[in-house]
Amino acid sequence: MSGNARIAELKSVSDAGVTSASRRLAFFGHDASDAAVRRRVQALQDDGVRVQGFMMRRGEAVVTAWDNIDLGQTQDGAFIQRLRRIFAGARIAAKRRDDLAAADMIYARNLDMLACAFLAKRYAGLDTPVIYESLDVHRLLTRSDVVGRLMRWLEGALLARTKGLVVSSPAFLRNHFERHYPGRYRAVLVENRLAAGADYGPRPSARTFVPDGKLRIGWVGILRCQRSFDLLCKLADELPDAVEIHLHGIPARTEIAVFEPEIEARANMTYHGRYKSPEDLARIYSGLDVVWAGDFMEAGFNSVWLLPNRIYEGGYYGVPAIAPADTETARWIEARKAGFALAEPLEEALPCLAEELQADPSGIQACFDRLSALPDDHFVQPPGFLNEVINRLVDEGRQI
């Protein structure tokens, strides 16, 4: 059975609301304070999965909404330091053998934590099944040199020992896993939809877009792409009286070295800082007309394949996305006719689109109407979905 067929079969059953016995899960995460990690843990807990965290952190120790064992601090972009931390973290986890042994399965997010999880199992003498969640294909895995080959050898060796692979975009399977590791994994698709158990407020049923009013463009989440930032700054410069640029989230300082000064230099750009999800999402998206969903941090690879949180969050609130053409994000948008895909050169295409939408927002209105008409499960995971994913992957006797 092909990867896409396995995905379709599991998704059709899970979205129908099938549930089964809850499991105890040891979650190996790269950063206990990361918003995406916290969303995934919350979603698992909402589905009745009992989560014990074994997590590293990028800053000071944080208070978590789950029982968590601190595996130490890592630094963003510091490859050697993170490699050492894998071994140190595995030994910390193994010392908590009783907590680790109580889990029915281990859920490891990203390749470094997958390696840490297998080492912890070995140190503790356990045979607990492992699930690998790959929500990004790291740039090291796409290199054609000896480093890339070594990283893919490691990923393939560990992948073959897992019970299953969770990906957030079908393009990760087509372009990476099926290409490099055919027949060595069992995959399911878990999109970056909003978690089922949280309160996001009602979906707006109507909005009025005023011609010649300022077009409000948002960039929301982890702000990690220098080219996206440059495009939005250039747009603010070219259309100072026509657009407002609103940035919400956390800038990745390793990718965007000069951030606040560039925003402060432009009267029509505003950085609103960190936000809480889901508490602040309704407020954020009610203040936007469109959301930028492009990414070039790993151009040609991960950036082309991913499906970002923004399209699901924005879609829930009726805010259409703008994305570069020929990406998985653009395909998602075009399949629903609920956004705008722009061809290169974006430096020319984005200001043209912004001028067009600012003068005549009927295109935004049409996208809003289509998004509002879509069922909730386009944007929000159905209750029981993750619990069913876990049970299906761990249970050897059931085909997916």
Protein backbone atom coordinates (compact mmCIF):
# COMPACT_ATOMS: atom_id res chain seq x y z
CA MET A 1 0.00 0.00 0.00
CA SER A 2 1.43 3.41 -0.96
CA GLY A 3 2.19 6.15 1.55
CA ASN A 4 -0.66 8.31 0.23
CA ALA A 5 -3.10 5.40 0.45
CA ARG A 6 -2.09 4.71 4.05
CA ILE A 7 -2.61 8.37 4.87
CA ALA A 8 -6.02 8.48 3.20
CA GLU A 9 -7.19 5.34 4.98
CA LEU A 10 -6.15 6.51 8.43
CA LYS A 11 -7.45 10.04 7.90
CA SER A 12 -10.85 8.83 6.74
CA VAL A 13 -11.26 6.68 9.86
CA SER A 14 -9.86 9.19 12.32
CA ASP A 15 -11.79 12.16 11.00
CA ALA A 16 -14.94 10.14 11.47
CA GLY A 17 -14.30 10.36 15.20
CA VAL A 18 -13.22 6.78 15.93
CA THR A 19 -11.54 6.50 19.32
CA SER A 20 -9.83 3.68 21.14
CA ALA A 21 -8.02 3.10 24.40
CA SER A 22 -5.84 5.99 25.56
CA ARG A 23 -2.11 5.44 25.85
CA ARG A 24 0.69 6.66 28.07
CA LEU A 25 3.27 8.52 26.03
CA ALA A 26 6.83 9.70 26.67
CA PHE A 27 7.26 12.82 24.53
CA PHE A 28 10.87 13.68 23.60
CA GLY A 29 10.80 17.33 22.53
CA HIS A 30 13.54 19.71 21.44
CA ASP A 31 12.21 22.75 23.34
CA ALA A 32 9.65 22.68 26.15
CA SER A 33 8.83 26.34 25.52
CA ASP A 34 8.28 26.00 21.77
CA ALA A 35 4.71 26.91 20.83
CA ALA A 36 4.39 24.03 18.37
CA VAL A 37 5.57 21.51 20.98
CA ARG A 38 3.11 22.88 23.51
CA ARG A 39 0.28 22.70 20.96
CA ARG A 40 1.08 19.09 20.14
CA VAL A 41 1.20 18.07 23.81
CA GLN A 42 -2.07 19.90 24.49
CA ALA A 43 -3.69 18.18 21.52
CA LEU A 44 -2.54 14.77 22.76
CA GLN A 45 -3.84 15.49 26.25
CA ASP A 46 -7.15 16.75 24.87
CA ASP A 47 -7.52 13.37 23.15
CA GLY A 48 -6.95 11.55 26.43
CA VAL A 49 -3.32 10.56 25.87
CA ARG A 50 -1.31 10.76 29.11
CA VAL A 51 1.90 12.66 28.35
CA GLN A 52 5.18 12.50 30.27
CA GLY A 53 7.63 15.01 28.83
CA PHE A 54 11.36 14.42 28.34
CA MET A 55 12.33 17.75 26.87
CA MET A 56 15.23 20.06 26.26
CA ARG A 57 14.89 23.82 26.29
CA ARG A 58 16.38 26.79 24.45
CA GLY A 59 16.36 29.16 27.42
CA GLU A 60 15.63 29.15 31.13
CA ALA A 61 13.54 26.38 32.64
CA VAL A 62 9.83 26.85 32.00
CA VAL A 63 6.67 25.76 33.75
CA THR A 64 4.79 23.28 31.56
CA ALA A 65 1.19 22.13 31.52
CA TRP A 66 2.38 18.51 31.67
CA ASP A 67 4.77 16.49 33.83
CA ASN A 68 8.17 17.21 32.35
CA ILE A 69 11.71 15.97 32.91
CA ASP A 70 14.24 18.63 31.94
CA LEU A 71 16.95 17.23 29.63
CA GLY A 72 19.01 20.43 29.67
CA GLN A 73 19.54 23.53 27.58
CA THR A 74 20.46 23.67 23.90
CA GLN A 75 21.29 26.58 21.62
CA ASP A 76 19.57 27.37 18.34
CA GLY A 77 21.87 26.64 15.41
CA ALA A 78 24.71 25.26 17.59
CA PHE A 79 25.05 21.84 15.97
CA ILE A 80 27.97 20.49 17.99
CA GLN A 81 26.48 21.62 21.31
CA ARG A 82 23.15 20.02 20.39
CA LEU A 83 24.92 16.79 19.39
CA ARG A 84 26.55 16.58 22.81
CA ARG A 85 23.24 17.34 24.47
CA ILE A 86 21.66 14.33 22.77
CA PHE A 87 23.94 11.98 24.72
CA ALA A 88 23.64 13.94 27.98
CA GLY A 89 19.87 14.17 27.66
CA ALA A 90 19.57 10.45 26.98
CA ARG A 91 21.46 9.66 30.19
CA ILE A 92 19.19 12.00 32.18
CA ALA A 93 16.13 10.27 30.71
CA ALA A 94 17.55 6.82 31.45
CA LYS A 95 18.10 7.76 35.09
CA ARG A 96 14.34 8.30 35.27
CA ARG A 97 13.80 4.74 34.13
CA ASP A 98 10.55 4.23 36.05
CA ASP A 99 8.97 7.24 34.32
CA LEU A 100 10.26 6.10 30.94
CA ALA A 101 9.23 2.48 31.45
CA ALA A 102 5.68 3.53 32.39
CA ALA A 103 5.06 4.78 28.85
CA ASP A 104 3.34 2.60 26.26
CA MET A 105 5.25 4.38 23.53
CA ILE A 106 7.85 7.10 22.92
CA TYR A 107 7.00 10.02 20.65
CA ALA A 108 10.11 11.82 19.37
CA ARG A 109 9.85 15.17 17.64
CA ASN A 110 12.64 15.91 15.11
CA LEU A 111 15.72 13.84 14.30
CA ASP A 112 17.90 14.93 17.23
CA MET A 113 15.24 13.90 19.74
CA LEU A 114 14.69 10.63 17.87
CA ALA A 115 18.37 9.83 18.40
CA CYS A 116 18.07 10.89 22.04
CA ALA A 117 15.03 8.66 22.54
CA PHE A 118 16.73 5.57 21.10
CA LEU A 119 19.82 6.19 23.23
CA ALA A 120 17.66 6.59 26.34
CA LYS A 121 15.93 3.29 25.53
CA ARG A 122 19.30 1.59 25.18
CA TYR A 123 20.72 3.04 28.38
CA ALA A 124 17.58 2.05 30.30
CA GLY A 125 17.30 -1.41 28.75
CA LEU A 126 13.79 -0.90 27.40
CA ASP A 127 12.03 -2.04 24.23
CA THR A 128 9.31 0.66 24.16
CA PRO A 129 8.03 1.35 20.61
CA VAL A 130 9.01 4.71 19.12
CA ILE A 131 7.10 7.07 16.81
CA TYR A 132 9.05 9.67 14.83
CA GLU A 133 7.41 13.05 14.18
CA SER A 134 9.11 14.97 11.37
CA LEU A 135 7.53 18.39 10.89
CA ASP A 136 10.55 19.87 9.15
CA VAL A 137 13.21 18.32 6.94
CA HIS A 138 16.35 19.99 8.29
CA ARG A 139 18.73 21.56 5.77
CA LEU A 140 21.51 19.14 6.83
CA LEU A 141 19.38 16.25 5.53
CA THR A 142 19.13 17.80 2.06
CA ARG A 143 22.84 18.36 1.48
CA SER A 144 24.57 16.36 -1.27
CA ASP A 145 27.95 16.17 0.48
CA VAL A 146 29.29 13.70 3.05
CA VAL A 147 27.49 15.54 5.88
CA GLY A 148 24.14 15.13 4.13
CA ARG A 149 24.79 11.47 3.37
CA LEU A 150 25.76 10.80 6.98
CA MET A 151 22.64 12.55 8.31
CA ARG A 152 20.39 10.60 5.93
CA TRP A 153 22.11 7.33 6.91
CA LEU A 154 21.37 8.12 10.56
CA GLU A 155 17.76 9.09 9.87
CA GLY A 156 17.19 6.00 7.73
CA ALA A 157 18.72 3.66 10.31
CA LEU A 158 16.55 5.06 13.10
CA LEU A 159 13.47 5.35 10.91
CA ALA A 160 13.60 1.63 10.11
CA ARG A 161 13.39 0.87 13.85
CA THR A 162 10.33 3.03 14.50
CA LYS A 163 6.71 1.97 14.65
CA GLY A 164 5.65 4.86 12.49
CA LEU A 165 6.36 8.25 10.96
CA VAL A 166 4.20 11.34 11.46
CA VAL A 167 4.51 14.13 8.88
CA SER A 168 2.64 17.42 8.60
CA SER A 169 2.74 17.68 4.81
CA PRO A 170 2.40 15.04 2.06
CA ALA A 171 5.24 16.78 0.23
CA PHE A 172 7.67 15.57 2.90
CA LEU A 173 6.83 12.01 1.89
CA ARG A 174 6.99 12.64 -1.87
CA ASN A 175 10.22 14.61 -1.86
CA HIS A 176 12.23 13.21 1.04
CA PHE A 177 11.08 10.01 2.71
CA GLU A 178 9.88 8.13 -0.40
CA ARG A 179 12.99 9.24 -2.26
CA HIS A 180 15.55 8.20 0.36
CA TYR A 181 13.88 5.49 2.47
CA PRO A 182 11.32 3.61 0.35
CA GLY A 183 9.71 0.72 2.20
CA ARG A 184 11.36 1.57 5.53
CA TYR A 185 8.52 3.38 7.31
CA ARG A 186 4.77 3.49 7.97
CA ALA A 187 3.51 7.06 7.56
CA VAL A 188 0.50 9.07 8.66
CA LEU A 189 -0.35 12.69 7.92
CA VAL A 190 -1.05 14.98 10.87
CA GLU A 191 -1.45 18.47 9.46
CA ASN A 192 -0.74 21.57 11.52
CA ARG A 193 -4.43 22.09 12.15
CA LEU A 194 -5.65 23.74 15.32
CA ALA A 195 -5.95 21.35 18.26
CA ALA A 196 -9.41 19.96 18.90
CA GLY A 197 -9.84 20.77 22.60
CA ALA A 198 -9.12 24.52 22.72
CA ASP A 199 -11.55 27.43 22.51
CA TYR A 200 -10.85 29.53 19.42
CA GLY A 201 -14.09 31.46 19.59
CA PRO A 202 -16.75 31.38 16.86
CA ARG A 203 -15.73 31.48 13.23
CA PRO A 204 -16.73 34.84 11.70
CA SER A 205 -19.67 34.51 9.34
CA ALA A 206 -19.41 37.97 7.78
CA ARG A 207 -16.84 40.73 7.24
CA THR A 208 -16.88 43.98 5.29
CA PHE A 209 -13.82 44.98 3.26
CA VAL A 210 -13.69 48.66 2.32
CA PRO A 211 -12.19 49.73 -1.04
CA ASP A 212 -9.22 52.09 -0.70
CA GLY A 213 -8.87 51.34 3.01
CA LYS A 214 -5.42 50.28 4.16
CA LEU A 215 -4.65 46.65 3.37
CA ARG A 216 -3.60 44.90 6.61
CA ILE A 217 -1.03 42.15 5.97
CA GLY A 218 0.08 39.87 8.80
CA TRP A 219 3.08 37.64 9.41
CA VAL A 220 2.29 35.36 12.36
CA GLY A 221 4.25 32.68 14.23
CA ILE A 222 7.97 31.96 14.24
CA LEU A 223 9.40 34.79 12.11
CA ARG A 224 12.42 32.99 10.72
CA CYS A 225 12.81 33.98 7.06
CA GLN A 226 15.06 36.86 6.05
CA ARG A 227 13.66 37.07 2.52
CA SER A 228 10.07 37.22 3.79
CA PHE A 229 11.07 40.01 6.15
CA ASP A 230 12.82 41.88 3.33
CA LEU A 231 9.78 41.48 1.05
CA LEU A 232 7.47 42.93 3.69
CA CYS A 233 9.84 45.81 4.43
CA LYS A 234 10.09 46.61 0.71
CA LEU A 235 6.29 46.46 0.41
CA ALA A 236 5.93 48.87 3.33
CA ASP A 237 8.34 51.27 1.62
CA GLU A 238 6.65 51.11 -1.77
CA LEU A 239 3.07 51.51 -0.49
CA PRO A 240 3.33 53.58 2.71
CA ASP A 241 -0.23 54.92 2.45
CA ALA A 242 -1.87 51.74 1.19
CA VAL A 243 -0.65 48.90 3.44
CA GLU A 244 -0.03 48.12 7.07
CA ILE A 245 2.32 45.27 8.00
CA HIS A 246 1.60 43.54 11.33
CA LEU A 247 4.09 41.05 12.78
CA HIS A 248 3.10 38.73 15.63
CA GLY A 249 5.36 36.13 17.20
CA ILE A 250 9.01 35.41 17.85
CA PRO A 251 11.81 36.47 15.47
CA ALA A 252 14.54 33.89 14.87
CA ARG A 253 17.63 35.97 15.63
CA THR A 254 19.92 33.48 13.92
CA GLU A 255 18.05 34.11 10.65
CA ILE A 256 17.03 37.79 10.96
CA ALA A 257 19.91 39.60 12.61
CA VAL A 258 18.45 43.13 12.40
CA PHE A 259 14.77 43.10 13.28
CA GLU A 260 13.33 45.86 15.49
CA PRO A 261 15.34 48.71 13.92
CA GLU A 262 13.95 47.87 10.47
CA ILE A 263 10.39 47.93 11.80
CA GLU A 264 10.88 51.12 13.79
CA ALA A 265 12.13 52.83 10.62
CA ARG A 266 8.75 52.29 8.95
CA ALA A 267 5.59 53.94 10.26
CA ASN A 268 3.34 51.37 8.58
CA MET A 269 5.05 48.33 10.16
CA THR A 270 4.21 47.16 13.69
CA TYR A 271 5.75 44.36 15.73
CA HIS A 272 3.23 43.21 18.34
CA GLY A 273 5.57 40.76 20.12
CA ARG A 274 4.84 37.31 21.47
CA TYR A 275 1.30 36.04 21.75
CA LYS A 276 -0.60 33.23 23.42
CA SER A 277 -2.31 30.53 21.43
CA PRO A 278 -5.24 30.02 21.32
CA GLU A 279 -6.13 32.95 23.58
CA ASP A 280 -4.86 35.69 21.23
CA LEU A 281 -5.61 34.17 17.82
CA ALA A 282 -9.08 35.68 17.35
CA ARG A 283 -7.76 39.16 18.18
CA ILE A 284 -4.76 38.79 15.87
CA TYR A 285 -6.63 37.55 12.81
CA SER A 286 -9.56 39.92 13.24
CA GLY A 287 -7.02 42.69 12.67
CA LEU A 288 -5.75 41.25 9.37
CA ASP A 289 -7.06 41.15 5.81
CA VAL A 290 -4.49 38.65 4.49
CA VAL A 291 -1.66 36.63 6.03
CA TRP A 292 1.78 36.04 4.52
CA ALA A 293 2.52 32.29 4.31
CA GLY A 294 5.78 32.23 2.36
CA ASP A 295 9.06 30.80 3.65
CA PHE A 296 12.52 30.72 2.09
CA MET A 297 14.72 29.71 5.01
CA GLU A 298 15.39 26.36 3.30
CA ALA A 299 14.50 27.36 -0.24
CA GLY A 300 14.05 24.52 -2.71
CA PHE A 301 13.55 21.97 0.05
CA ASN A 302 11.68 22.27 3.35
CA SER A 303 10.35 25.74 2.50
CA VAL A 304 8.68 24.38 -0.64
CA TRP A 305 7.27 21.29 1.07
CA LEU A 306 5.81 22.55 4.35
CA LEU A 307 2.23 23.47 5.29
CA PRO A 308 2.48 26.20 7.95
CA ASN A 309 0.20 26.86 10.93
CA ARG A 310 -0.79 30.21 9.41
CA ILE A 311 -2.98 28.72 6.70
CA TYR A 312 -5.08 26.79 9.23
CA GLU A 313 -5.27 29.61 11.78
CA GLY A 314 -6.04 32.20 9.13
CA GLY A 315 -8.49 29.88 7.38
CA TYR A 316 -10.46 29.32 10.59
CA TYR A 317 -10.96 33.09 10.95
CA GLY A 318 -11.58 33.65 7.25
CA VAL A 319 -8.23 35.35 6.52
CA PRO A 320 -6.80 34.21 3.15
CA ALA A 321 -3.10 33.47 2.76
CA ILE A 322 -0.52 34.71 0.25
CA ALA A 323 2.11 32.15 -0.76
CA PRO A 324 4.78 31.70 -3.44
CA ALA A 325 3.59 29.66 -6.42
CA ASP A 326 4.74 26.05 -6.93
CA THR A 327 4.87 25.29 -3.21
CA GLU A 328 2.79 22.86 -1.17
CA THR A 329 1.25 25.87 0.60
CA ALA A 330 0.18 27.35 -2.74
CA ARG A 331 -1.33 24.00 -3.76
CA TRP A 332 -3.31 23.90 -0.49
CA ILE A 333 -4.58 27.44 -1.13
CA GLU A 334 -5.42 26.84 -4.78
CA ALA A 335 -7.28 23.59 -4.05
CA ARG A 336 -9.68 25.59 -1.85
CA LYS A 337 -9.63 28.76 -4.00
CA ALA A 338 -9.05 30.56 -0.74
CA GLY A 339 -5.91 32.65 -1.14
CA PHE A 340 -3.34 34.04 -3.53
CA ALA A 341 -0.37 32.26 -5.14
CA LEU A 342 2.31 34.58 -6.54
CA ALA A 343 4.93 33.75 -9.16
CA GLU A 344 8.46 35.11 -9.09
CA PRO A 345 9.76 37.75 -9.00
CA LEU A 346 7.91 38.29 -5.72
CA GLU A 347 9.52 41.69 -5.29
CA GLU A 348 7.28 42.82 -8.15
CA ALA A 349 4.31 40.49 -7.73
CA LEU A 350 3.61 41.22 -4.06
CA PRO A 351 3.28 45.04 -4.43
CA CYS A 352 1.08 44.52 -7.52
CA LEU A 353 -1.25 42.20 -5.61
CA ALA A 354 -1.33 44.52 -2.59
CA GLU A 355 -2.27 47.51 -4.78
CA GLU A 356 -4.98 45.48 -6.49
CA LEU A 357 -6.51 44.23 -3.23
CA GLN A 358 -6.29 47.62 -1.56
CA ALA A 359 -8.16 49.29 -4.41
CA ASP A 360 -10.67 46.47 -4.87
CA PRO A 361 -11.01 44.01 -1.97
CA SER A 362 -13.57 41.84 -3.78
CA GLY A 363 -10.90 39.15 -4.14
CA ILE A 364 -10.46 39.04 -0.38
CA GLN A 365 -14.22 38.95 0.08
CA ALA A 366 -14.54 35.98 -2.28
CA CYS A 367 -11.79 34.10 -0.41
CA PHE A 368 -13.40 34.93 2.94
CA ASP A 369 -16.72 33.57 1.74
CA ARG A 370 -15.14 30.32 0.52
CA LEU A 371 -13.15 29.84 3.73
CA SER A 372 -16.23 30.51 5.86
CA ALA A 373 -18.16 27.87 3.94
CA LEU A 374 -15.60 25.11 4.57
CA PRO A 375 -16.21 22.63 7.40
CA ASP A 376 -14.33 23.12 10.66
CA ASP A 377 -12.19 20.03 10.09
CA HIS A 378 -10.30 21.79 7.31
CA PHE A 379 -8.72 23.88 10.05
CA VAL A 380 -9.29 22.05 13.36
CA GLN A 381 -8.37 18.44 14.16
CA PRO A 382 -11.40 16.32 14.99
CA PRO A 383 -11.60 15.04 18.59
CA GLY A 384 -9.88 11.68 18.99
CA PHE A 385 -7.72 12.07 15.86
CA LEU A 386 -4.31 11.93 17.55
CA ASN A 387 -5.34 9.18 19.93
CA GLU A 388 -6.37 7.07 16.95
CA VAL A 389 -3.10 7.86 15.15
CA ILE A 390 -1.09 6.70 18.16
CA ASN A 391 -3.08 3.51 18.61
CA ARG A 392 -2.95 2.63 14.93
CA LEU A 393 0.82 3.09 14.69
CA VAL A 394 1.68 1.22 17.87
CA ASP A 395 -0.66 -1.72 17.33
CA GLU A 396 1.23 -4.11 15.06
CA GLY A 397 -1.87 -6.13 14.31
CA ARG A 398 -3.73 -3.39 12.46
CA GLN A 399 -2.97 -2.40 8.88
CA ILE A 400 -2.64 1.26 7.85
